[in-house]
Each structure stands twice: as C-alpha cells, then as structure tokens.
Amino acid sequence: MKRVLIIVASIILLIILINAVANRATCYWYGYQTERETQYGPLVGCMVKVRDHWVPRNELRTQP
C-alpha cells in the first residue's frame, strides 16, 4: 500500500513540475514573440512590463 501511495504522489509531483515548466516557457515565448519584457510569477502567472509597472498578461487589453 505504501508503494502505491509513493508512486501516486510521485506522479502528481511530476505533473505539477511539468505544468510549471510549460507555463514559464509559454510566458517567455510570449515575450519573445511580442518583443516585450516578461516575467513569470508562480502565484500571479505571466507578467508583462507596461511603461514602468508590471501587468498580468491576461489583463493587458485593459491597459491604455
């Protein structure tokens, strides 16, 4: 029973790690494509620099 729990926990952690790497990569790819400065925050997501402050990428369309 312990082995099954260890295997399941390992699979879940691997999925979380792959998801984090994919999210970070898509953020940097967005910055590369649009020639904007981007950074990835684990709790916020992809941030784009607009003038002198950082805005979440999904809220960019609301910025002038």
PDB file of N, CA and C in Angstrom:
ATOM      1  N   MET A   1       0.819  -1.200   0.000  1.00  0.00           N
ATOM      2  CA  MET A   1       0.000   0.000   0.000  1.00  0.00           C
ATOM      3  C   MET A   1       0.863   1.264   0.000  1.00  0.00           C
ATOM      4  N   LYS A   2       1.966   1.233   0.759  1.00  0.00           N
ATOM      5  CA  LYS A   2       2.846   2.402   0.825  1.00  0.00           C
ATOM      6  C   LYS A   2       3.480   2.694  -0.529  1.00  0.00           C
ATOM      7  N   ARG A   3       3.818   1.635  -1.251  1.00  0.00           N
ATOM      8  CA  ARG A   3       4.429   1.824  -2.570  1.00  0.00           C
ATOM      9  C   ARG A   3       3.470   2.515  -3.530  1.00  0.00           C
ATOM     10  N   VAL A   4       2.215   2.128  -3.459  1.00  0.00           N
ATOM     11  CA  VAL A   4       1.217   2.730  -4.343  1.00  0.00           C
ATOM     12  C   VAL A   4       1.082   4.220  -4.033  1.00  0.00           C
ATOM     13  N   LEU A   5       1.032   4.573  -2.758  1.00  0.00           N
ATOM     14  CA  LEU A   5       0.932   5.978  -2.375  1.00  0.00           C
ATOM     15  C   LEU A   5       2.163   6.767  -2.815  1.00  0.00           C
ATOM     16  N   ILE A   6       3.337   6.183  -2.696  1.00  0.00           N
ATOM     17  CA  ILE A   6       4.563   6.848  -3.124  1.00  0.00           C
ATOM     18  C   ILE A   6       4.553   7.054  -4.642  1.00  0.00           C
ATOM     19  N   ILE A   7       4.107   6.062  -5.373  1.00  0.00           N
ATOM     20  CA  ILE A   7       4.047   6.174  -6.836  1.00  0.00           C
ATOM     21  C   ILE A   7       3.033   7.237  -7.249  1.00  0.00           C
ATOM     22  N   VAL A   8       1.870   7.245  -6.634  1.00  0.00           N
ATOM     23  CA  VAL A   8       0.836   8.226  -6.957  1.00  0.00           C
ATOM     24  C   VAL A   8       1.331   9.638  -6.622  1.00  0.00           C
ATOM     25  N   ALA A   9       1.953   9.812  -5.459  1.00  0.00           N
ATOM     26  CA  ALA A   9       2.485  11.119  -5.076  1.00  0.00           C
ATOM     27  C   ALA A   9       3.573  11.570  -6.039  1.00  0.00           C
ATOM     28  N   SER A  10       4.413  10.650  -6.477  1.00  0.00           N
ATOM     29  CA  SER A  10       5.472  10.981  -7.437  1.00  0.00           C
ATOM     30  C   SER A  10       4.887  11.417  -8.773  1.00  0.00           C
ATOM     31  N   ILE A  11       3.858  10.745  -9.214  1.00  0.00           N
ATOM     32  CA  ILE A  11       3.216  11.104 -10.482  1.00  0.00           C
ATOM     33  C   ILE A  11       2.571  12.487 -10.378  1.00  0.00           C
ATOM     34  N   ILE A  12       1.908  12.756  -9.268  1.00  0.00           N
ATOM     35  CA  ILE A  12       1.285  14.066  -9.075  1.00  0.00           C
ATOM     36  C   ILE A  12       2.338  15.173  -9.058  1.00  0.00           C
ATOM     37  N   LEU A  13       3.437  14.958  -8.361  1.00  0.00           N
ATOM     38  CA  LEU A  13       4.510  15.951  -8.326  1.00  0.00           C
ATOM     39  C   LEU A  13       5.136  16.161  -9.704  1.00  0.00           C
ATOM     40  N   LEU A  14       5.273  15.095 -10.471  1.00  0.00           N
ATOM     41  CA  LEU A  14       5.810  15.202 -11.821  1.00  0.00           C
ATOM     42  C   LEU A  14       4.880  16.022 -12.713  1.00  0.00           C
ATOM     43  N   ILE A  15       3.584  15.816 -12.588  1.00  0.00           N
ATOM     44  CA  ILE A  15       2.609  16.578 -13.366  1.00  0.00           C
ATOM     45  C   ILE A  15       2.669  18.060 -12.991  1.00  0.00           C
ATOM     46  N   ILE A  16       2.778  18.357 -11.694  1.00  0.00           N
ATOM     47  CA  ILE A  16       2.883  19.748 -11.240  1.00  0.00           C
ATOM     48  C   ILE A  16       4.146  20.393 -11.791  1.00  0.00           C
ATOM     49  N   LEU A  17       5.250  19.667 -11.786  1.00  0.00           N
ATOM     50  CA  LEU A  17       6.513  20.194 -12.298  1.00  0.00           C
ATOM     51  C   LEU A  17       6.434  20.466 -13.802  1.00  0.00           C
ATOM     52  N   ILE A  18       5.873  19.549 -14.554  1.00  0.00           N
ATOM     53  CA  ILE A  18       5.733  19.728 -15.997  1.00  0.00           C
ATOM     54  C   ILE A  18       4.841  20.928 -16.300  1.00  0.00           C
ATOM     55  N   ASN A  19       3.761  21.078 -15.545  1.00  0.00           N
ATOM     56  CA  ASN A  19       2.853  22.207 -15.732  1.00  0.00           C
ATOM     57  C   ASN A  19       3.565  23.532 -15.448  1.00  0.00           C
ATOM     58  N   ALA A  20       4.362  23.593 -14.394  1.00  0.00           N
ATOM     59  CA  ALA A  20       5.094  24.816 -14.055  1.00  0.00           C
ATOM     60  C   ALA A  20       6.097  25.182 -15.145  1.00  0.00           C
ATOM     61  N   VAL A  21       6.816  24.200 -15.653  1.00  0.00           N
ATOM     62  CA  VAL A  21       7.786  24.446 -16.723  1.00  0.00           C
ATOM     63  C   VAL A  21       7.067  24.919 -17.990  1.00  0.00           C
ATOM     64  N   ALA A  22       5.945  24.317 -18.312  1.00  0.00           N
ATOM     65  CA  ALA A  22       5.194  24.712 -19.510  1.00  0.00           C
ATOM     66  C   ALA A  22       4.658  26.135 -19.380  1.00  0.00           C
ATOM     67  N   ASN A  23       4.142  26.493 -18.206  1.00  0.00           N
ATOM     68  CA  ASN A  23       3.630  27.852 -18.005  1.00  0.00           C
ATOM     69  C   ASN A  23       4.747  28.886 -18.135  1.00  0.00           C
ATOM     70  N   ARG A  24       5.888  28.618 -17.550  1.00  0.00           N
ATOM     71  CA  ARG A  24       7.029  29.532 -17.629  1.00  0.00           C
ATOM     72  C   ARG A  24       7.510  29.668 -19.079  1.00  0.00           C
ATOM     73  N   ALA A  25       7.551  28.555 -19.789  1.00  0.00           N
ATOM     74  CA  ALA A  25       8.010  28.576 -21.179  1.00  0.00           C
ATOM     75  C   ALA A  25       7.054  29.367 -22.066  1.00  0.00           C
ATOM     76  N   THR A  26       5.747  29.221 -21.872  1.00  0.00           N
ATOM     77  CA  THR A  26       4.801  29.983 -22.689  1.00  0.00           C
ATOM     78  C   THR A  26       4.890  31.473 -22.386  1.00  0.00           C
ATOM     79  N   CYS A  27       5.196  31.829 -21.152  1.00  0.00           N
ATOM     80  CA  CYS A  27       5.361  33.239 -20.794  1.00  0.00           C
ATOM     81  C   CYS A  27       6.573  33.828 -21.515  1.00  0.00           C
ATOM     82  N   TYR A  28       7.687  33.140 -21.465  1.00  0.00           N
ATOM     83  CA  TYR A  28       8.880  33.635 -22.138  1.00  0.00           C
ATOM     84  C   TYR A  28       8.709  33.632 -23.660  1.00  0.00           C
ATOM     85  N   TRP A  29       7.982  32.667 -24.191  1.00  0.00           N
ATOM     86  CA  TRP A  29       7.731  32.625 -25.626  1.00  0.00           C
ATOM     87  C   TRP A  29       6.867  33.819 -26.045  1.00  0.00           C
ATOM     88  N   TYR A  30       5.880  34.168 -25.229  1.00  0.00           N
ATOM     89  CA  TYR A  30       5.051  35.342 -25.497  1.00  0.00           C
ATOM     90  C   TYR A  30       5.916  36.602 -25.541  1.00  0.00           C
ATOM     91  N   GLY A  31       6.839  36.740 -24.602  1.00  0.00           N
ATOM     92  CA  GLY A  31       7.732  37.884 -24.591  1.00  0.00           C
ATOM     93  C   GLY A  31       8.627  37.920 -25.816  1.00  0.00           C
ATOM     94  N   TYR A  32       9.086  36.772 -26.238  1.00  0.00           N
ATOM     95  CA  TYR A  32       9.932  36.686 -27.423  1.00  0.00           C
ATOM     96  C   TYR A  32       9.162  37.081 -28.682  1.00  0.00           C
ATOM     97  N   GLN A  33       7.924  36.590 -28.819  1.00  0.00           N
ATOM     98  CA  GLN A  33       7.118  36.878 -29.997  1.00  0.00           C
ATOM     99  C   GLN A  33       6.711  38.341 -30.079  1.00  0.00           C
ATOM    100  N   THR A  34       6.377  38.942 -28.950  1.00  0.00           N
ATOM    101  CA  THR A  34       5.882  40.316 -28.952  1.00  0.00           C
ATOM    102  C   THR A  34       6.981  41.338 -28.690  1.00  0.00           C
ATOM    103  N   GLU A  35       8.186  40.874 -28.435  1.00  0.00           N
ATOM    104  CA  GLU A  35       9.331  41.732 -28.115  1.00  0.00           C
ATOM    105  C   GLU A  35       9.039  42.620 -26.913  1.00  0.00           C
ATOM    106  N   ARG A  36       8.376  42.039 -25.916  1.00  0.00           N
ATOM    107  CA  ARG A  36       8.090  42.740 -24.661  1.00  0.00           C
ATOM    108  C   ARG A  36       8.864  42.065 -23.543  1.00  0.00           C
ATOM    109  N   GLU A  37       9.048  42.799 -22.465  1.00  0.00           N
ATOM    110  CA  GLU A  37       9.726  42.236 -21.306  1.00  0.00           C
ATOM    111  C   GLU A  37       8.693  41.495 -20.462  1.00  0.00           C
ATOM    112  N   THR A  38       8.945  40.215 -20.210  1.00  0.00           N
ATOM    113  CA  THR A  38       8.018  39.398 -19.432  1.00  0.00           C
ATOM    114  C   THR A  38       8.748  38.745 -18.270  1.00  0.00           C
ATOM    115  N   GLN A  39       7.961  38.387 -17.275  1.00  0.00           N
ATOM    116  CA  GLN A  39       8.474  37.574 -16.179  1.00  0.00           C
ATOM    117  C   GLN A  39       7.324  36.709 -15.675  1.00  0.00           C
ATOM    118  N   TYR A  40       7.681  35.575 -15.075  1.00  0.00           N
ATOM    119  CA  TYR A  40       6.665  34.649 -14.603  1.00  0.00           C
ATOM    120  C   TYR A  40       6.668  34.615 -13.083  1.00  0.00           C
ATOM    121  N   GLY A  41       5.518  34.840 -12.495  1.00  0.00           N
ATOM    122  CA  GLY A  41       5.348  34.736 -11.051  1.00  0.00           C
ATOM    123  C   GLY A  41       4.517  33.510 -10.733  1.00  0.00           C
ATOM    124  N   PRO A  42       4.984  32.639  -9.851  1.00  0.00           N
ATOM    125  CA  PRO A  42       4.269  31.384  -9.580  1.00  0.00           C
ATOM    126  C   PRO A  42       2.812  31.566  -9.141  1.00  0.00           C
ATOM    127  N   LEU A  43       2.515  32.595  -8.364  1.00  0.00           N
ATOM    128  CA  LEU A  43       1.147  32.775  -7.896  1.00  0.00           C
ATOM    129  C   LEU A  43       0.344  33.728  -8.765  1.00  0.00           C
ATOM    130  N   VAL A  44       1.019  34.496  -9.612  1.00  0.00           N
ATOM    131  CA  VAL A  44       0.362  35.506 -10.430  1.00  0.00           C
ATOM    132  C   VAL A  44       0.227  35.059 -11.875  1.00  0.00           C
ATOM    133  N   GLY A  45       1.244  34.405 -12.385  1.00  0.00           N
ATOM    134  CA  GLY A  45       1.263  33.993 -13.780  1.00  0.00           C
ATOM    135  C   GLY A  45       2.190  34.874 -14.583  1.00  0.00           C
ATOM    136  N   CYS A  46       1.931  34.979 -15.848  1.00  0.00           N
ATOM    137  CA  CYS A  46       2.789  35.737 -16.753  1.00  0.00           C
ATOM    138  C   CYS A  46       2.524  37.231 -16.591  1.00  0.00           C
ATOM    139  N   MET A  47       3.587  37.992 -16.369  1.00  0.00           N
ATOM    140  CA  MET A  47       3.508  39.433 -16.199  1.00  0.00           C
ATOM    141  C   MET A  47       4.237  40.111 -17.352  1.00  0.00           C
ATOM    142  N   VAL A  48       3.673  41.218 -17.835  1.00  0.00           N
ATOM    143  CA  VAL A  48       4.258  41.978 -18.937  1.00  0.00           C
ATOM    144  C   VAL A  48       4.530  43.389 -18.434  1.00  0.00           C
ATOM    145  N   LYS A  49       5.711  43.909 -18.774  1.00  0.00           N
ATOM    146  CA  LYS A  49       6.064  45.257 -18.345  1.00  0.00           C
ATOM    147  C   LYS A  49       5.406  46.272 -19.274  1.00  0.00           C
ATOM    148  N   VAL A  50       4.601  47.154 -18.675  1.00  0.00           N
ATOM    149  CA  VAL A  50       3.920  48.222 -19.404  1.00  0.00           C
ATOM    150  C   VAL A  50       4.388  49.532 -18.791  1.00  0.00           C
ATOM    151  N   ARG A  51       5.075  50.316 -19.588  1.00  0.00           N
ATOM    152  CA  ARG A  51       5.695  51.557 -19.150  1.00  0.00           C
ATOM    153  C   ARG A  51       6.618  51.288 -17.955  1.00  0.00           C
ATOM    154  N   ASP A  52       6.170  51.623 -16.743  1.00  0.00           N
ATOM    155  CA  ASP A  52       7.052  51.456 -15.586  1.00  0.00           C
ATOM    156  C   ASP A  52       6.514  50.476 -14.547  1.00  0.00           C
ATOM    157  N   HIS A  53       5.478  49.695 -14.887  1.00  0.00           N
ATOM    158  CA  HIS A  53       4.943  48.719 -13.939  1.00  0.00           C
ATOM    159  C   HIS A  53       4.596  47.410 -14.645  1.00  0.00           C
ATOM    160  N   TRP A  54       4.346  46.366 -13.852  1.00  0.00           N
ATOM    161  CA  TRP A  54       4.057  45.034 -14.380  1.00  0.00           C
ATOM    162  C   TRP A  54       2.560  44.766 -14.325  1.00  0.00           C
ATOM    163  N   VAL A  55       2.035  44.198 -15.412  1.00  0.00           N
ATOM    164  CA  VAL A  55       0.613  43.896 -15.539  1.00  0.00           C
ATOM    165  C   VAL A  55       0.472  42.421 -15.901  1.00  0.00           C
ATOM    166  N   PRO A  56      -0.488  41.703 -15.287  1.00  0.00           N
ATOM    167  CA  PRO A  56      -0.726  40.319 -15.698  1.00  0.00           C
ATOM    168  C   PRO A  56      -1.092  40.264 -17.187  1.00  0.00           C
ATOM    169  N   ARG A  57      -0.568  39.277 -17.874  1.00  0.00           N
ATOM    170  CA  ARG A  57      -0.783  39.178 -19.324  1.00  0.00           C
ATOM    171  C   ARG A  57      -2.248  39.113 -19.693  1.00  0.00           C
ATOM    172  N   ASN A  58      -3.057  38.433 -18.898  1.00  0.00           N
ATOM    173  CA  ASN A  58      -4.478  38.298 -19.237  1.00  0.00           C
ATOM    174  C   ASN A  58      -5.253  39.589 -19.002  1.00  0.00           C
ATOM    175  N   GLU A  59      -4.654  40.596 -18.354  1.00  0.00           N
ATOM    176  CA  GLU A  59      -5.308  41.884 -18.153  1.00  0.00           C
ATOM    177  C   GLU A  59      -4.710  42.974 -19.035  1.00  0.00           C
ATOM    178  N   LEU A  60      -3.873  42.591 -19.973  1.00  0.00           N
ATOM    179  CA  LEU A  60      -3.195  43.566 -20.803  1.00  0.00           C
ATOM    180  C   LEU A  60      -4.140  44.400 -21.664  1.00  0.00           C
ATOM    181  N   ARG A  61      -5.200  43.818 -22.128  1.00  0.00           N
ATOM    182  CA  ARG A  61      -6.088  44.546 -23.036  1.00  0.00           C
ATOM    183  C   ARG A  61      -6.784  45.710 -22.341  1.00  0.00           C
ATOM    184  N   THR A  62      -6.811  45.723 -21.012  1.00  0.00           N
ATOM    185  CA  THR A  62      -7.450  46.822 -20.277  1.00  0.00           C
ATOM    186  C   THR A  62      -6.500  47.986 -20.063  1.00  0.00           C
ATOM    187  N   GLN A  63      -5.230  47.821 -20.395  1.00  0.00           N
ATOM    188  CA  GLN A  63      -4.238  48.886 -20.204  1.00  0.00           C
ATOM    189  C   GLN A  63      -4.201  49.783 -21.429  1.00  0.00           C
ATOM    190  N   PRO A  64      -4.077  51.095 -21.228  1.00  0.00           N
ATOM    191  CA  PRO A  64      -4.007  52.006 -22.392  1.00  0.00           C
ATOM    192  C   PRO A  64      -2.705  51.877 -23.126  1.00  0.00           C
TER     193      PRO A  64
END
